[in-house]
Amino acid sequence: MDFLTLFLVYLCSVLTVTALLCLCSGRKESFLARNVNRASQVLSLLIPTQLQRVTHGALYRLFHTRSSLFVVLHVALQAAVFGEYTWEVFGYCWELQFHLLLLLLPYLLLAGNVGCFLLCSRANPGVITKSNHASLVGVYAYDGVMFQRGIVCPTCTMEKPARSKHCSVCRTCVHRFDHHCVWLNNCVGASNTGWFLLYLLALTATAATLAAITAALLLHVVLLSNAMHSTYLDAQGQEHPVDIAFLVQHLFLTFPRIVFMLGFVVLLTLVLGGYSSFSLYLAFTNQTTNEWCKSRRFGGSHHLTAQSHNRQLVYKNIYSKGIWRNLKEIFRPLTALERKKK
C-alpha cells in the first residue's frame, strides 16, 4: 500500500503542477506568477548573492538562448524507455507468444516520431527576412486588434506581418509564430507547424502503445500465476485475500524496472494526450499558441478597450475558415498569391 500511495501522490502532484502551468499561462499577473515571485524573494534572503548570480545566469542561458540540452534529454529518455522495452518487455512478451506485429508497433511509431522530430527541428519555421518580408506581409490580413498594421519590430526593424512575432530565443521574427519549443531547439511557425503536430501525435501514440503492451504483459503474468485467488499473511500473521494494492507492490518487487517504466509512460501519455488535444483544437480553429495566450489577456469575452480612441474593439478570430480548410493551411501554408486569388 505504501508504494501505491506514493505513486498516486506523485502522479497527482505532477498533474496538478502541469494543470496550474496551463491555466496560468498567458497572464501577466497570474496567481502562479505572483507566488513564484514571492517565493524567489524569500529564497533570495537565504541564498548567497554569488550563487544567485550563477544560478540566474545558468537558467537564463538554458531558457533564453538556443541550447541542445533538452534535445539530448529527449533522446536520452526515449533511449532509456526503448532500452527497457527491448531488454525485458519484448523478451517476456515473446515468450508469452504475443503477436509479433503488436510488439514491433512501438518501433514503427518511434521511427515516425523521430522522422517528424528531425524534419521539424531542422526546418526553417518561417523566418522573416528582408528578401521575403514584402511577400509575407500580404499573406494574412490584419485583424486590427491583436495584429495591427504599422507595428515595427524594434529588433529586426521591419514591419510585423499579421500573425508574426519576434522570438527572443532565436532572435528573429517568425511568420505565423506558434511558440519556441526547447525540446526541438527551434521555433514552431508557418513552415513546420504540420510536422510538429504529426510529431506530437506520433509521440503520444508511441507512449500509449508502450503503456498498453506493458500493462498487458503484467496482467498476463497475474492471470497465469493465479495470484488474484491467493492469500497473504500480514505483519500480525492474519490471512487476507490478495487485493490490487498488494498485487502492485508484488509486481514492483518482481519487475521493478518494468513497473517504473509503465508508470512513466502512463504519465507521459496523459500529459502528451492533453497537449495533443490542445494542439488539435488550435489546428481545427486556425489559432496559434501565441494568439490563444493573447486572446486570454483580452478577457473571457474577447473584448479589448482602446482608451485612446474612446471606443471598444471586439476581438474575433478572422483566420478560421472551417476545420478542413484550417487543417489544409497547417500542412500547406498560404502564400500571398493564393490569398489574392481567394
Foldseek 3Di string as FASTA:
>chain_A
DVVVVVLVVVLVVVVVVVVVCVVQPLAPDGPVVVVVVVVVVVVVVVDDPVVVVVVVVVVCCLPQAQDCPLQVVVVVVVCLLVVCCVPPLLVLVVVVPDPPVLSCVLVVLVVQLVVLLVCQLPDDQAFDDPVCPVFLLLFDDAPCPPGDWPDADPQRRHTDRPLWDARSHVRTIGANWFAQDNNSSGTHHQANLLSVLSSLVSVLVSLVSLLVSLVVSLVVVCVVVVQQQDWDADPVRDIDGDDPVNSLVVCCVVPVVSSVSNSVSVSVNVVSVVVSVVSLVCLQQVHGNVRVSNQVNCPPQSKHDDVVVPDIDHDDPPPHDGRVVSNVCSNPPTISVVVVVD
